[in-house]
C-alpha cells in the first residue's frame, strides 16, 4: 500500500517481502524508515536486494506483502541516465517531464530554469544531451525531479558509471540539495567513501536490514570486513 500524507518520516517500510515469479525471494521482512529532510544511503553486496527495494519504493514493482508509506512526491534517478533522458536538449528534456501538469509556457520555463539553477547547470539549457558528460547527465536527471517538485529522491547507484571526480561532485551536489531544499534522499551505493556525505545508512543483507545508523560506524565495520 502506498500512502501520500504529511509525516516526519518521509519513507517508511514495514515487513516488506518480495519474490520473483520463479519464487526466488529477494526481500525478507525488510523494515526501515528515512527521516524527512535527511540524506540516507543503502548499502549491501550484489544480490542483497538494494535496487529491488528502490524499485518497490518507486512503484516500479509490487511487493509480495508488507507496507510502504511515502510522505511526499517521488523522483527516481537511474544508475544509467541514458535510460531516462529522452529529448534532444537539456531544456526540452526537463520540460517534457512537466507535460502532464498542464502548465503554461511561462510556468514550464520557470520550473526548467529554477531546476537547472539548483544543480548549477543553468548555462546548459540548450545543450544537446549527447554532448553532456556522465556526471552532467545525472545532474540533469536530478533537475528533472526537482522541476516536478519531487521532495523525495531515490537514487540507484548514480555514480556507478562515473569517474572519481564526477562521483564526488554528484554526491556533494545531492547532499547540498537535500539541505538547501529540505529534500529527503535514499541513495543506493557500494562506494564506502560516499558515506562521508550521508546523515545515516542502512546495511542490507539477504533482503533484510541488519544494521543502521551512523554512516561512519557502518563504514568502519565494512572496512574491517573487507
N, C-alpha and C. Protein backbone atom coordinates (compact mmCIF):
# COMPACT_ATOMS: atom_id res chain seq x y z
N UNK A 1 0.84 -1.19 0.00
CA UNK A 1 0.00 0.00 0.00
C UNK A 1 0.88 1.24 0.00
N UNK A 2 0.59 2.19 -0.88
CA UNK A 2 1.31 3.46 -0.94
C UNK A 2 0.40 4.55 -0.38
N UNK A 3 0.89 5.31 0.58
CA UNK A 3 0.10 6.34 1.21
C UNK A 3 0.80 7.68 1.07
N UNK A 4 0.07 8.69 0.62
CA UNK A 4 0.63 10.03 0.44
C UNK A 4 0.09 10.93 1.54
N UNK A 5 0.87 11.15 2.60
CA UNK A 5 0.43 12.01 3.68
C UNK A 5 1.65 12.66 4.32
N UNK A 6 1.39 13.74 5.03
CA UNK A 6 2.48 14.50 5.63
C UNK A 6 2.94 13.83 6.91
N UNK A 7 4.19 13.38 6.96
CA UNK A 7 4.75 12.71 8.12
C UNK A 7 6.19 13.16 8.31
N UNK A 8 6.70 13.07 9.55
CA UNK A 8 8.08 13.43 9.78
C UNK A 8 9.02 12.38 9.23
N UNK A 9 8.55 11.17 9.06
CA UNK A 9 9.30 10.13 8.38
C UNK A 9 8.89 10.15 6.91
N UNK A 10 9.83 10.45 6.03
CA UNK A 10 9.49 10.60 4.61
C UNK A 10 9.29 9.26 3.92
N UNK A 11 10.06 8.24 4.35
CA UNK A 11 9.95 6.91 3.76
C UNK A 11 9.83 5.90 4.90
N UNK A 12 8.81 5.07 4.85
CA UNK A 12 8.64 4.04 5.87
C UNK A 12 8.32 2.71 5.20
N UNK A 13 9.09 1.69 5.55
CA UNK A 13 8.89 0.34 5.01
C UNK A 13 8.75 -0.61 6.19
N UNK A 14 7.69 -1.42 6.18
CA UNK A 14 7.45 -2.35 7.28
C UNK A 14 7.20 -3.75 6.76
N UNK A 15 8.03 -4.67 7.21
CA UNK A 15 7.85 -6.10 6.91
C UNK A 15 7.62 -6.36 5.43
N UNK A 16 8.47 -5.75 4.59
CA UNK A 16 8.31 -5.85 3.15
C UNK A 16 8.91 -7.14 2.63
N UNK A 17 8.12 -7.87 1.87
CA UNK A 17 8.58 -9.11 1.24
C UNK A 17 8.40 -8.99 -0.25
N UNK A 18 9.36 -9.57 -0.99
CA UNK A 18 9.25 -9.59 -2.45
C UNK A 18 9.96 -10.83 -2.98
N UNK A 19 9.31 -11.48 -3.93
CA UNK A 19 9.92 -12.63 -4.60
C UNK A 19 9.60 -12.54 -6.08
N UNK A 20 10.51 -13.00 -6.92
CA UNK A 20 10.27 -13.04 -8.35
C UNK A 20 9.24 -14.11 -8.68
N UNK A 21 8.71 -14.07 -9.89
CA UNK A 21 7.68 -15.03 -10.30
C UNK A 21 8.15 -16.47 -10.17
N UNK A 22 9.45 -16.67 -10.27
CA UNK A 22 10.02 -18.01 -10.12
C UNK A 22 9.95 -18.52 -8.68
N UNK A 23 9.62 -17.59 -7.76
CA UNK A 23 9.59 -17.95 -6.35
C UNK A 23 10.85 -17.59 -5.60
N UNK A 24 11.86 -17.11 -6.32
CA UNK A 24 13.12 -16.74 -5.68
C UNK A 24 12.93 -15.51 -4.79
N UNK A 25 13.18 -15.62 -3.48
CA UNK A 25 12.97 -14.47 -2.59
C UNK A 25 14.06 -13.41 -2.76
N UNK A 26 13.68 -12.15 -2.64
CA UNK A 26 14.64 -11.05 -2.74
C UNK A 26 14.65 -10.24 -1.45
N UNK A 27 13.47 -9.86 -0.95
CA UNK A 27 13.36 -9.13 0.30
C UNK A 27 12.64 -9.98 1.33
N UNK A 28 13.11 -9.92 2.57
CA UNK A 28 12.59 -10.76 3.63
C UNK A 28 12.27 -9.90 4.86
N UNK A 29 11.01 -9.54 5.03
CA UNK A 29 10.56 -8.73 6.17
C UNK A 29 11.44 -7.49 6.34
N UNK A 30 11.70 -6.84 5.25
CA UNK A 30 12.57 -5.64 5.24
C UNK A 30 11.84 -4.47 5.89
N UNK A 31 12.50 -3.82 6.85
CA UNK A 31 11.91 -2.71 7.58
C UNK A 31 12.94 -1.58 7.70
N UNK A 32 12.52 -0.36 7.36
CA UNK A 32 13.39 0.81 7.52
C UNK A 32 12.55 2.07 7.47
N UNK A 33 13.13 3.16 7.96
CA UNK A 33 12.48 4.47 7.84
C UNK A 33 13.54 5.54 7.64
N UNK A 34 13.23 6.51 6.79
CA UNK A 34 14.15 7.61 6.49
C UNK A 34 13.50 8.91 6.97
N UNK A 35 14.16 9.63 7.88
CA UNK A 35 13.59 10.89 8.39
C UNK A 35 13.49 11.94 7.28
N UNK A 36 12.46 12.73 7.37
CA UNK A 36 12.26 13.80 6.39
C UNK A 36 13.40 14.81 6.47
N UNK A 37 13.89 15.23 5.30
CA UNK A 37 14.94 16.23 5.25
C UNK A 37 16.34 15.71 5.46
N UNK A 38 16.52 14.37 5.35
CA UNK A 38 17.84 13.80 5.55
C UNK A 38 18.29 12.98 4.34
N UNK A 39 19.60 12.75 4.28
CA UNK A 39 20.25 12.05 3.17
C UNK A 39 20.78 10.72 3.72
N UNK A 40 20.13 9.62 3.36
CA UNK A 40 20.50 8.29 3.84
C UNK A 40 20.97 7.44 2.67
N UNK A 41 21.85 6.49 2.99
CA UNK A 41 22.38 5.58 1.98
C UNK A 41 22.03 4.14 2.31
N UNK A 42 21.91 3.34 1.25
CA UNK A 42 21.56 1.94 1.36
C UNK A 42 22.72 1.11 0.84
N UNK A 43 23.30 0.32 1.71
CA UNK A 43 24.50 -0.47 1.41
C UNK A 43 24.17 -1.94 1.35
N UNK A 44 25.04 -2.69 0.68
CA UNK A 44 24.89 -4.14 0.63
C UNK A 44 25.62 -4.70 -0.57
N UNK A 45 25.94 -5.97 -0.51
CA UNK A 45 26.62 -6.62 -1.62
C UNK A 45 25.67 -6.82 -2.79
N UNK A 46 26.20 -7.17 -3.95
CA UNK A 46 25.36 -7.50 -5.10
C UNK A 46 24.42 -8.65 -4.72
N UNK A 47 23.14 -8.49 -5.05
CA UNK A 47 22.17 -9.52 -4.73
C UNK A 47 21.51 -9.37 -3.37
N UNK A 48 21.87 -8.31 -2.64
CA UNK A 48 21.29 -8.12 -1.31
C UNK A 48 19.87 -7.55 -1.37
N UNK A 49 19.47 -7.02 -2.54
CA UNK A 49 18.11 -6.50 -2.70
C UNK A 49 18.01 -4.99 -2.74
N UNK A 50 19.14 -4.29 -2.82
CA UNK A 50 19.14 -2.82 -2.77
C UNK A 50 18.31 -2.20 -3.90
N UNK A 51 18.64 -2.55 -5.13
CA UNK A 51 17.96 -1.95 -6.28
C UNK A 51 16.50 -2.38 -6.34
N UNK A 52 16.23 -3.62 -5.96
CA UNK A 52 14.84 -4.09 -5.94
C UNK A 52 14.02 -3.29 -4.94
N UNK A 53 14.59 -3.02 -3.77
CA UNK A 53 13.89 -2.22 -2.77
C UNK A 53 13.59 -0.83 -3.31
N UNK A 54 14.55 -0.22 -3.99
CA UNK A 54 14.33 1.12 -4.53
C UNK A 54 13.20 1.10 -5.57
N UNK A 55 13.15 0.07 -6.38
CA UNK A 55 12.09 -0.03 -7.39
C UNK A 55 10.72 -0.27 -6.77
N UNK A 56 10.69 -0.95 -5.66
CA UNK A 56 9.43 -1.12 -4.92
C UNK A 56 8.98 0.23 -4.36
N UNK A 57 9.91 0.99 -3.82
CA UNK A 57 9.57 2.31 -3.29
C UNK A 57 9.04 3.23 -4.38
N UNK A 58 9.61 3.10 -5.58
CA UNK A 58 9.20 3.96 -6.70
C UNK A 58 7.91 3.49 -7.35
N UNK A 59 7.42 2.32 -6.96
CA UNK A 59 6.21 1.79 -7.57
C UNK A 59 6.44 1.08 -8.88
N UNK A 60 7.70 0.79 -9.21
CA UNK A 60 8.01 0.08 -10.45
C UNK A 60 7.80 -1.42 -10.30
N UNK A 61 7.78 -1.90 -9.06
CA UNK A 61 7.47 -3.29 -8.74
C UNK A 61 6.44 -3.29 -7.62
N UNK A 62 5.71 -4.39 -7.49
CA UNK A 62 4.73 -4.53 -6.42
C UNK A 62 5.22 -5.56 -5.40
N UNK A 63 5.15 -5.22 -4.10
CA UNK A 63 5.62 -6.16 -3.09
C UNK A 63 4.73 -7.39 -2.98
N UNK A 64 5.31 -8.48 -2.53
CA UNK A 64 4.52 -9.68 -2.24
C UNK A 64 3.64 -9.42 -1.04
N UNK A 65 4.19 -8.76 -0.03
CA UNK A 65 3.44 -8.35 1.16
C UNK A 65 4.22 -7.26 1.88
N UNK A 66 3.57 -6.64 2.85
CA UNK A 66 4.21 -5.58 3.62
C UNK A 66 3.68 -4.21 3.24
N UNK A 67 4.16 -3.18 3.93
CA UNK A 67 3.66 -1.82 3.75
C UNK A 67 4.76 -0.84 3.38
N UNK A 68 4.43 0.08 2.47
CA UNK A 68 5.30 1.18 2.09
C UNK A 68 4.52 2.48 2.27
N UNK A 69 5.11 3.43 2.97
CA UNK A 69 4.49 4.75 3.11
C UNK A 69 5.49 5.81 2.64
N UNK A 70 5.05 6.64 1.70
CA UNK A 70 5.88 7.72 1.18
C UNK A 70 5.15 9.02 1.47
N UNK A 71 5.83 9.94 2.16
CA UNK A 71 5.16 11.16 2.59
C UNK A 71 5.08 12.26 1.56
N UNK A 72 5.87 12.17 0.48
CA UNK A 72 5.93 13.28 -0.48
C UNK A 72 6.09 12.74 -1.90
N UNK A 73 6.05 13.66 -2.86
CA UNK A 73 6.22 13.30 -4.27
C UNK A 73 7.63 12.75 -4.53
N UNK A 74 7.68 11.69 -5.34
CA UNK A 74 8.94 10.99 -5.59
C UNK A 74 9.62 11.42 -6.88
N UNK A 75 10.96 11.35 -6.86
CA UNK A 75 11.76 11.45 -8.06
C UNK A 75 12.74 10.28 -8.07
N UNK A 76 12.86 9.59 -9.19
CA UNK A 76 13.73 8.41 -9.28
C UNK A 76 14.86 8.69 -10.26
N UNK A 77 16.10 8.41 -9.83
CA UNK A 77 17.28 8.61 -10.67
C UNK A 77 17.93 7.26 -10.92
N UNK A 78 17.98 6.85 -12.18
CA UNK A 78 18.51 5.54 -12.55
C UNK A 78 20.04 5.54 -12.51
N UNK A 79 20.61 4.33 -12.44
CA UNK A 79 22.05 4.18 -12.50
C UNK A 79 22.60 4.74 -13.80
N UNK A 80 21.93 4.48 -14.90
CA UNK A 80 22.34 4.97 -16.22
C UNK A 80 21.38 6.06 -16.67
N UNK A 81 21.82 7.34 -16.69
CA UNK A 81 20.91 8.43 -17.04
C UNK A 81 20.36 8.33 -18.45
N UNK A 82 21.04 7.60 -19.35
CA UNK A 82 20.53 7.47 -20.71
C UNK A 82 19.20 6.72 -20.75
N UNK A 83 18.85 6.04 -19.65
CA UNK A 83 17.58 5.33 -19.59
C UNK A 83 16.41 6.25 -19.26
N UNK A 84 16.70 7.53 -18.89
CA UNK A 84 15.60 8.42 -18.56
C UNK A 84 15.67 9.79 -19.22
N UNK A 85 16.73 10.08 -19.95
CA UNK A 85 16.81 11.33 -20.69
C UNK A 85 16.41 11.04 -22.13
N UNK A 86 15.28 11.57 -22.56
CA UNK A 86 14.69 11.13 -23.83
C UNK A 86 14.60 12.21 -24.91
N UNK A 87 14.78 13.47 -24.54
CA UNK A 87 14.65 14.55 -25.50
C UNK A 87 16.03 15.01 -25.98
N UNK A 88 16.10 15.74 -27.10
CA UNK A 88 17.41 16.09 -27.67
C UNK A 88 18.22 17.11 -26.90
N UNK A 89 17.58 18.02 -26.17
CA UNK A 89 18.32 19.05 -25.45
C UNK A 89 17.95 19.03 -23.97
N UNK A 90 18.78 19.66 -23.17
CA UNK A 90 18.59 19.70 -21.72
C UNK A 90 17.26 20.32 -21.35
N UNK A 91 16.99 21.54 -21.85
CA UNK A 91 15.75 22.22 -21.51
C UNK A 91 14.51 21.45 -21.95
N UNK A 92 14.58 20.89 -23.15
CA UNK A 92 13.43 20.14 -23.67
C UNK A 92 13.17 18.89 -22.84
N UNK A 93 14.24 18.24 -22.36
CA UNK A 93 14.05 17.03 -21.58
C UNK A 93 13.36 17.33 -20.25
N UNK A 94 13.79 18.37 -19.58
CA UNK A 94 13.16 18.72 -18.30
C UNK A 94 11.72 19.15 -18.52
N UNK A 95 11.48 19.94 -19.56
CA UNK A 95 10.12 20.39 -19.87
C UNK A 95 9.20 19.21 -20.20
N UNK A 96 9.75 18.19 -20.87
CA UNK A 96 8.96 17.02 -21.23
C UNK A 96 8.39 16.33 -19.99
N UNK A 97 9.15 16.33 -18.91
CA UNK A 97 8.67 15.71 -17.68
C UNK A 97 7.54 16.46 -17.01
N UNK A 98 7.25 17.67 -17.49
CA UNK A 98 6.20 18.51 -16.89
C UNK A 98 4.91 18.52 -17.71
N UNK A 99 4.89 17.78 -18.82
CA UNK A 99 3.74 17.83 -19.73
C UNK A 99 2.43 17.49 -19.02
N UNK A 100 2.46 16.48 -18.17
CA UNK A 100 1.23 16.02 -17.52
C UNK A 100 0.67 17.04 -16.52
N UNK A 101 1.45 18.05 -16.17
CA UNK A 101 0.98 19.03 -15.18
C UNK A 101 0.22 20.20 -15.81
N UNK A 102 0.15 20.22 -17.14
CA UNK A 102 -0.65 21.24 -17.85
C UNK A 102 -0.29 22.67 -17.43
N UNK A 103 1.00 22.95 -17.37
CA UNK A 103 1.47 24.28 -17.01
C UNK A 103 1.48 25.19 -18.23
N UNK A 104 1.45 26.48 -17.99
CA UNK A 104 1.62 27.42 -19.09
C UNK A 104 3.07 27.39 -19.55
N UNK A 105 3.33 27.99 -20.72
CA UNK A 105 4.71 28.04 -21.21
C UNK A 105 5.61 28.76 -20.21
N UNK A 106 5.11 29.87 -19.66
CA UNK A 106 5.91 30.65 -18.72
C UNK A 106 6.20 29.85 -17.45
N UNK A 107 5.20 29.13 -16.95
CA UNK A 107 5.40 28.32 -15.74
C UNK A 107 6.40 27.19 -16.00
N UNK A 108 6.27 26.57 -17.17
CA UNK A 108 7.20 25.49 -17.51
C UNK A 108 8.62 26.02 -17.61
N UNK A 109 8.78 27.16 -18.28
CA UNK A 109 10.11 27.74 -18.44
C UNK A 109 10.72 28.10 -17.09
N UNK A 110 9.90 28.62 -16.20
CA UNK A 110 10.39 28.98 -14.87
C UNK A 110 10.84 27.74 -14.11
N UNK A 111 10.06 26.67 -14.19
CA UNK A 111 10.43 25.43 -13.49
C UNK A 111 11.75 24.87 -14.05
N UNK A 112 11.89 24.91 -15.37
CA UNK A 112 13.11 24.41 -16.01
C UNK A 112 14.32 25.22 -15.54
N UNK A 113 14.19 26.53 -15.59
CA UNK A 113 15.32 27.40 -15.22
C UNK A 113 15.68 27.24 -13.74
N UNK A 114 14.67 27.15 -12.88
CA UNK A 114 14.93 27.01 -11.45
C UNK A 114 15.60 25.67 -11.13
N UNK A 115 15.17 24.61 -11.80
CA UNK A 115 15.75 23.30 -11.53
C UNK A 115 17.19 23.21 -12.02
N UNK A 116 17.48 23.82 -13.16
CA UNK A 116 18.85 23.83 -13.66
C UNK A 116 19.76 24.67 -12.77
N UNK A 117 19.22 25.77 -12.25
CA UNK A 117 19.99 26.59 -11.32
C UNK A 117 20.33 25.80 -10.06
N UNK A 118 19.39 24.96 -9.62
CA UNK A 118 19.60 24.18 -8.39
C UNK A 118 20.75 23.19 -8.52
N UNK A 119 21.01 22.71 -9.75
CA UNK A 119 22.11 21.76 -9.95
C UNK A 119 23.30 22.42 -10.64
N UNK A 120 23.29 23.76 -10.67
CA UNK A 120 24.41 24.55 -11.22
C UNK A 120 24.70 24.27 -12.70
N UNK A 121 23.62 24.11 -13.48
CA UNK A 121 23.78 23.87 -14.91
C UNK A 121 22.91 24.82 -15.75
N UNK A 122 22.67 26.02 -15.24
CA UNK A 122 21.80 26.97 -15.95
C UNK A 122 22.29 27.26 -17.36
N UNK A 123 23.60 27.28 -17.54
CA UNK A 123 24.17 27.63 -18.84
C UNK A 123 23.98 26.55 -19.88
N UNK A 124 23.45 25.40 -19.50
CA UNK A 124 23.35 24.28 -20.43
C UNK A 124 21.93 24.02 -20.91
N UNK A 125 21.04 24.97 -20.73
CA UNK A 125 19.64 24.75 -21.06
C UNK A 125 19.43 24.35 -22.53
N UNK A 126 20.29 24.82 -23.44
CA UNK A 126 20.15 24.49 -24.86
C UNK A 126 21.17 23.44 -25.31
N UNK A 127 21.92 22.89 -24.39
CA UNK A 127 22.97 21.92 -24.74
C UNK A 127 22.35 20.59 -25.15
N UNK A 128 22.82 19.99 -26.27
CA UNK A 128 22.33 18.65 -26.64
C UNK A 128 22.69 17.62 -25.57
N UNK A 129 21.78 16.70 -25.31
CA UNK A 129 22.02 15.67 -24.30
C UNK A 129 23.27 14.87 -24.62
N UNK A 130 23.48 14.57 -25.91
CA UNK A 130 24.62 13.73 -26.28
C UNK A 130 25.96 14.39 -25.96
N UNK A 131 25.95 15.72 -25.80
CA UNK A 131 27.20 16.44 -25.56
C UNK A 131 27.54 16.57 -24.08
N UNK A 132 26.73 15.99 -23.20
CA UNK A 132 26.96 16.08 -21.76
C UNK A 132 27.86 14.95 -21.28
N UNK A 133 28.59 15.23 -20.21
CA UNK A 133 29.34 14.17 -19.55
C UNK A 133 28.38 13.31 -18.72
N UNK A 134 28.87 12.18 -18.23
CA UNK A 134 28.02 11.31 -17.42
C UNK A 134 27.54 12.00 -16.16
N UNK A 135 28.42 12.76 -15.50
CA UNK A 135 28.02 13.47 -14.30
C UNK A 135 26.99 14.55 -14.58
N UNK A 136 27.13 15.25 -15.71
CA UNK A 136 26.15 16.26 -16.09
C UNK A 136 24.80 15.63 -16.39
N UNK A 137 24.81 14.47 -17.03
CA UNK A 137 23.54 13.78 -17.32
C UNK A 137 22.81 13.41 -16.03
N UNK A 138 23.56 12.94 -15.03
CA UNK A 138 22.92 12.58 -13.78
C UNK A 138 22.33 13.82 -13.09
N UNK A 139 23.03 14.93 -13.19
CA UNK A 139 22.51 16.16 -12.58
C UNK A 139 21.28 16.66 -13.32
N UNK A 140 21.21 16.43 -14.64
CA UNK A 140 20.01 16.77 -15.40
C UNK A 140 18.84 15.89 -14.97
N UNK A 141 19.11 14.61 -14.73
CA UNK A 141 18.06 13.70 -14.25
C UNK A 141 17.53 14.18 -12.90
N UNK A 142 18.42 14.64 -12.04
CA UNK A 142 18.02 15.17 -10.73
C UNK A 142 17.24 16.47 -10.92
N UNK A 143 17.69 17.32 -11.85
CA UNK A 143 16.97 18.57 -12.14
C UNK A 143 15.55 18.28 -12.60
N UNK A 144 15.37 17.22 -13.38
CA UNK A 144 14.03 16.84 -13.83
C UNK A 144 13.12 16.53 -12.66
N UNK A 145 13.66 15.84 -11.65
CA UNK A 145 12.87 15.53 -10.46
C UNK A 145 12.53 16.79 -9.68
N UNK A 146 13.49 17.70 -9.58
CA UNK A 146 13.27 18.95 -8.86
C UNK A 146 12.22 19.80 -9.57
N UNK A 147 12.26 19.81 -10.91
CA UNK A 147 11.28 20.57 -11.68
C UNK A 147 9.86 20.07 -11.42
N UNK A 148 9.72 18.77 -11.17
CA UNK A 148 8.40 18.19 -10.86
C UNK A 148 8.04 18.35 -9.39
N UNK A 149 8.86 19.11 -8.67
CA UNK A 149 8.67 19.37 -7.24
C UNK A 149 8.71 18.09 -6.41
N UNK A 150 9.56 17.16 -6.82
CA UNK A 150 9.78 15.96 -6.01
C UNK A 150 10.44 16.36 -4.71
N UNK A 151 10.00 15.78 -3.62
CA UNK A 151 10.57 16.07 -2.31
C UNK A 151 11.31 14.87 -1.74
N UNK A 152 11.13 13.71 -2.37
CA UNK A 152 11.87 12.50 -2.00
C UNK A 152 12.61 12.01 -3.24
N UNK A 153 13.93 11.90 -3.15
CA UNK A 153 14.75 11.41 -4.25
C UNK A 153 15.21 9.98 -3.96
N UNK A 154 15.00 9.10 -4.92
CA UNK A 154 15.52 7.74 -4.86
C UNK A 154 16.59 7.62 -5.94
N UNK A 155 17.81 7.28 -5.54
CA UNK A 155 18.95 7.28 -6.47
C UNK A 155 19.61 5.91 -6.45
N UNK A 156 19.56 5.23 -7.59
CA UNK A 156 20.05 3.86 -7.67
C UNK A 156 21.48 3.83 -8.21
N UNK A 157 22.47 3.83 -7.32
CA UNK A 157 23.88 3.82 -7.69
C UNK A 157 24.18 4.85 -8.79
N UNK A 158 23.86 6.12 -8.56
CA UNK A 158 24.00 7.13 -9.61
C UNK A 158 25.44 7.42 -10.01
N UNK A 159 26.42 7.00 -9.19
CA UNK A 159 27.82 7.25 -9.54
C UNK A 159 28.50 6.03 -10.15
N UNK A 160 27.76 4.95 -10.38
CA UNK A 160 28.37 3.69 -10.82
C UNK A 160 29.12 3.83 -12.14
N UNK A 161 28.66 4.71 -13.02
CA UNK A 161 29.27 4.84 -14.34
C UNK A 161 30.17 6.08 -14.44
N UNK A 162 30.45 6.72 -13.30
CA UNK A 162 31.22 7.96 -13.31
C UNK A 162 32.65 7.74 -12.82
N UNK A 163 33.54 8.66 -13.25
CA UNK A 163 34.91 8.60 -12.73
C UNK A 163 34.96 9.28 -11.36
N UNK A 164 36.13 9.21 -10.71
CA UNK A 164 36.27 9.67 -9.34
C UNK A 164 35.83 11.08 -9.07
N UNK A 165 36.26 12.04 -9.91
CA UNK A 165 35.92 13.44 -9.69
C UNK A 165 34.43 13.67 -9.83
N UNK A 166 33.82 13.07 -10.86
CA UNK A 166 32.38 13.23 -11.06
C UNK A 166 31.58 12.55 -9.97
N UNK A 167 32.09 11.44 -9.43
CA UNK A 167 31.41 10.78 -8.31
C UNK A 167 31.30 11.73 -7.13
N UNK A 168 32.42 12.35 -6.77
CA UNK A 168 32.45 13.24 -5.62
C UNK A 168 31.56 14.46 -5.83
N UNK A 169 31.60 15.04 -7.04
CA UNK A 169 30.80 16.22 -7.34
C UNK A 169 29.31 15.90 -7.23
N UNK A 170 28.92 14.71 -7.70
CA UNK A 170 27.49 14.38 -7.69
C UNK A 170 26.98 14.15 -6.28
N UNK A 171 27.69 13.37 -5.49
CA UNK A 171 27.21 13.10 -4.13
C UNK A 171 27.21 14.37 -3.30
N UNK A 172 28.21 15.24 -3.48
CA UNK A 172 28.23 16.51 -2.76
C UNK A 172 27.07 17.40 -3.18
N UNK A 173 26.75 17.37 -4.49
CA UNK A 173 25.66 18.18 -5.01
C UNK A 173 24.32 17.73 -4.44
N UNK A 174 24.11 16.41 -4.34
CA UNK A 174 22.85 15.90 -3.80
C UNK A 174 22.73 16.26 -2.32
N UNK A 175 23.82 16.12 -1.58
CA UNK A 175 23.76 16.50 -0.16
C UNK A 175 23.38 17.98 0.00
N UNK A 176 23.97 18.83 -0.83
CA UNK A 176 23.67 20.26 -0.75
C UNK A 176 22.20 20.52 -1.08
N UNK A 177 21.67 19.83 -2.09
CA UNK A 177 20.26 20.00 -2.45
C UNK A 177 19.34 19.56 -1.31
N UNK A 178 19.68 18.45 -0.68
CA UNK A 178 18.88 17.95 0.44
C UNK A 178 18.79 19.00 1.53
N UNK A 179 19.92 19.63 1.85
CA UNK A 179 19.94 20.60 2.93
C UNK A 179 19.31 21.93 2.53
N UNK A 180 19.57 22.37 1.31
CA UNK A 180 19.05 23.68 0.89
C UNK A 180 17.54 23.66 0.65
N UNK A 181 17.04 22.55 0.09
CA UNK A 181 15.64 22.48 -0.30
C UNK A 181 14.80 21.60 0.62
N UNK A 182 15.38 21.15 1.72
CA UNK A 182 14.69 20.28 2.67
C UNK A 182 14.11 19.05 1.97
N UNK A 183 14.93 18.44 1.11
CA UNK A 183 14.53 17.20 0.43
C UNK A 183 14.91 16.01 1.31
N UNK A 184 14.43 14.85 0.91
CA UNK A 184 14.83 13.58 1.52
C UNK A 184 15.41 12.72 0.41
N UNK A 185 16.53 12.06 0.68
CA UNK A 185 17.14 11.22 -0.35
C UNK A 185 17.54 9.86 0.21
N UNK A 186 17.30 8.83 -0.58
CA UNK A 186 17.79 7.48 -0.29
C UNK A 186 18.64 7.07 -1.48
N UNK A 187 19.92 6.84 -1.22
CA UNK A 187 20.95 6.67 -2.25
C UNK A 187 21.55 5.28 -2.13
N UNK A 188 21.39 4.46 -3.15
CA UNK A 188 22.00 3.12 -3.16
C UNK A 188 23.45 3.23 -3.61
N UNK A 189 24.35 2.60 -2.87
CA UNK A 189 25.76 2.67 -3.23
C UNK A 189 26.52 1.45 -2.73
N UNK A 190 27.68 1.21 -3.35
CA UNK A 190 28.63 0.25 -2.80
C UNK A 190 29.98 0.93 -2.56
N UNK A 191 30.02 2.26 -2.75
CA UNK A 191 31.25 3.02 -2.56
C UNK A 191 31.27 3.58 -1.13
N UNK A 192 32.16 3.05 -0.29
CA UNK A 192 32.17 3.43 1.11
C UNK A 192 32.56 4.89 1.32
N UNK A 193 33.34 5.48 0.40
CA UNK A 193 33.72 6.89 0.57
C UNK A 193 32.51 7.83 0.47
N UNK A 194 31.44 7.38 -0.18
CA UNK A 194 30.24 8.22 -0.30
C UNK A 194 29.51 8.37 1.03
N UNK A 195 29.79 7.48 1.96
CA UNK A 195 29.16 7.57 3.28
C UNK A 195 29.56 8.85 4.01
N UNK A 196 30.66 9.46 3.61
CA UNK A 196 31.11 10.70 4.25
C UNK A 196 30.08 11.82 4.11
N UNK A 197 29.18 11.71 3.14
CA UNK A 197 28.20 12.76 2.87
C UNK A 197 26.82 12.45 3.44
N UNK A 198 26.65 11.27 4.04
CA UNK A 198 25.33 10.82 4.47
C UNK A 198 25.00 11.21 5.90
N UNK A 199 23.71 11.37 6.17
CA UNK A 199 23.24 11.56 7.55
C UNK A 199 23.08 10.23 8.26
N UNK A 200 22.84 9.18 7.50
CA UNK A 200 22.66 7.86 8.07
C UNK A 200 22.73 6.82 6.96
N UNK A 201 22.74 5.55 7.36
CA UNK A 201 22.85 4.48 6.36
C UNK A 201 22.19 3.20 6.87
N UNK A 202 21.78 2.38 5.91
CA UNK A 202 21.24 1.05 6.20
C UNK A 202 22.14 0.02 5.55
N UNK A 203 22.32 -1.10 6.22
CA UNK A 203 23.06 -2.23 5.66
C UNK A 203 22.08 -3.35 5.39
N UNK A 204 21.99 -3.74 4.12
CA UNK A 204 21.05 -4.77 3.69
C UNK A 204 21.80 -6.06 3.42
N UNK A 205 21.33 -7.16 3.98
CA UNK A 205 21.90 -8.48 3.72
C UNK A 205 20.76 -9.48 3.52
N UNK A 206 20.82 -10.18 2.39
CA UNK A 206 19.80 -11.18 2.06
C UNK A 206 18.38 -10.63 2.22
N UNK A 207 18.21 -9.39 1.74
CA UNK A 207 16.88 -8.81 1.70
C UNK A 207 16.36 -8.26 3.00
N UNK A 208 17.24 -8.09 4.00
CA UNK A 208 16.79 -7.61 5.30
C UNK A 208 17.79 -6.58 5.83
N UNK A 209 17.28 -5.52 6.48
CA UNK A 209 18.15 -4.54 7.10
C UNK A 209 18.72 -5.15 8.38
N UNK A 210 20.05 -5.32 8.40
CA UNK A 210 20.70 -5.95 9.54
C UNK A 210 21.43 -4.95 10.42
N UNK A 211 21.62 -3.71 9.93
CA UNK A 211 22.26 -2.67 10.73
C UNK A 211 21.87 -1.32 10.15
N UNK A 212 21.91 -0.29 10.98
CA UNK A 212 21.53 1.04 10.51
C UNK A 212 22.08 2.08 11.46
N UNK A 213 22.11 3.33 10.99
CA UNK A 213 22.51 4.43 11.86
C UNK A 213 23.70 5.20 11.35
N UNK A 214 24.66 5.46 12.24
CA UNK A 214 25.81 6.31 11.94
C UNK A 214 26.59 5.80 10.73
N UNK A 215 26.72 6.59 9.68
CA UNK A 215 27.40 6.12 8.47
C UNK A 215 28.88 5.84 8.68
N UNK A 216 29.53 6.58 9.58
CA UNK A 216 30.95 6.35 9.83
C UNK A 216 31.18 5.02 10.56
N UNK A 217 30.27 4.67 11.45
CA UNK A 217 30.38 3.38 12.12
C UNK A 217 30.21 2.23 11.13
N UNK A 218 29.22 2.37 10.25
CA UNK A 218 28.99 1.32 9.25
C UNK A 218 30.15 1.25 8.26
N UNK A 219 30.71 2.41 7.92
CA UNK A 219 31.86 2.43 7.03
C UNK A 219 33.03 1.66 7.65
N UNK A 220 33.30 1.92 8.92
CA UNK A 220 34.39 1.22 9.60
C UNK A 220 34.12 -0.27 9.70
N UNK A 221 32.87 -0.63 9.98
CA UNK A 221 32.50 -2.04 10.07
C UNK A 221 32.77 -2.77 8.76
N UNK A 222 32.39 -2.15 7.66
CA UNK A 222 32.57 -2.79 6.35
C UNK A 222 34.02 -2.81 5.95
N UNK A 223 34.79 -1.78 6.32
CA UNK A 223 36.22 -1.78 6.04
C UNK A 223 36.91 -2.91 6.78
N UNK A 224 36.50 -3.16 8.00
CA UNK A 224 37.10 -4.24 8.79
C UNK A 224 36.75 -5.61 8.21
N UNK A 225 35.59 -5.71 7.57
CA UNK A 225 35.18 -6.98 6.97
C UNK A 225 35.95 -7.29 5.69
N UNK A 226 36.35 -6.24 4.99
CA UNK A 226 36.97 -6.43 3.67
C UNK A 226 38.42 -6.86 3.76
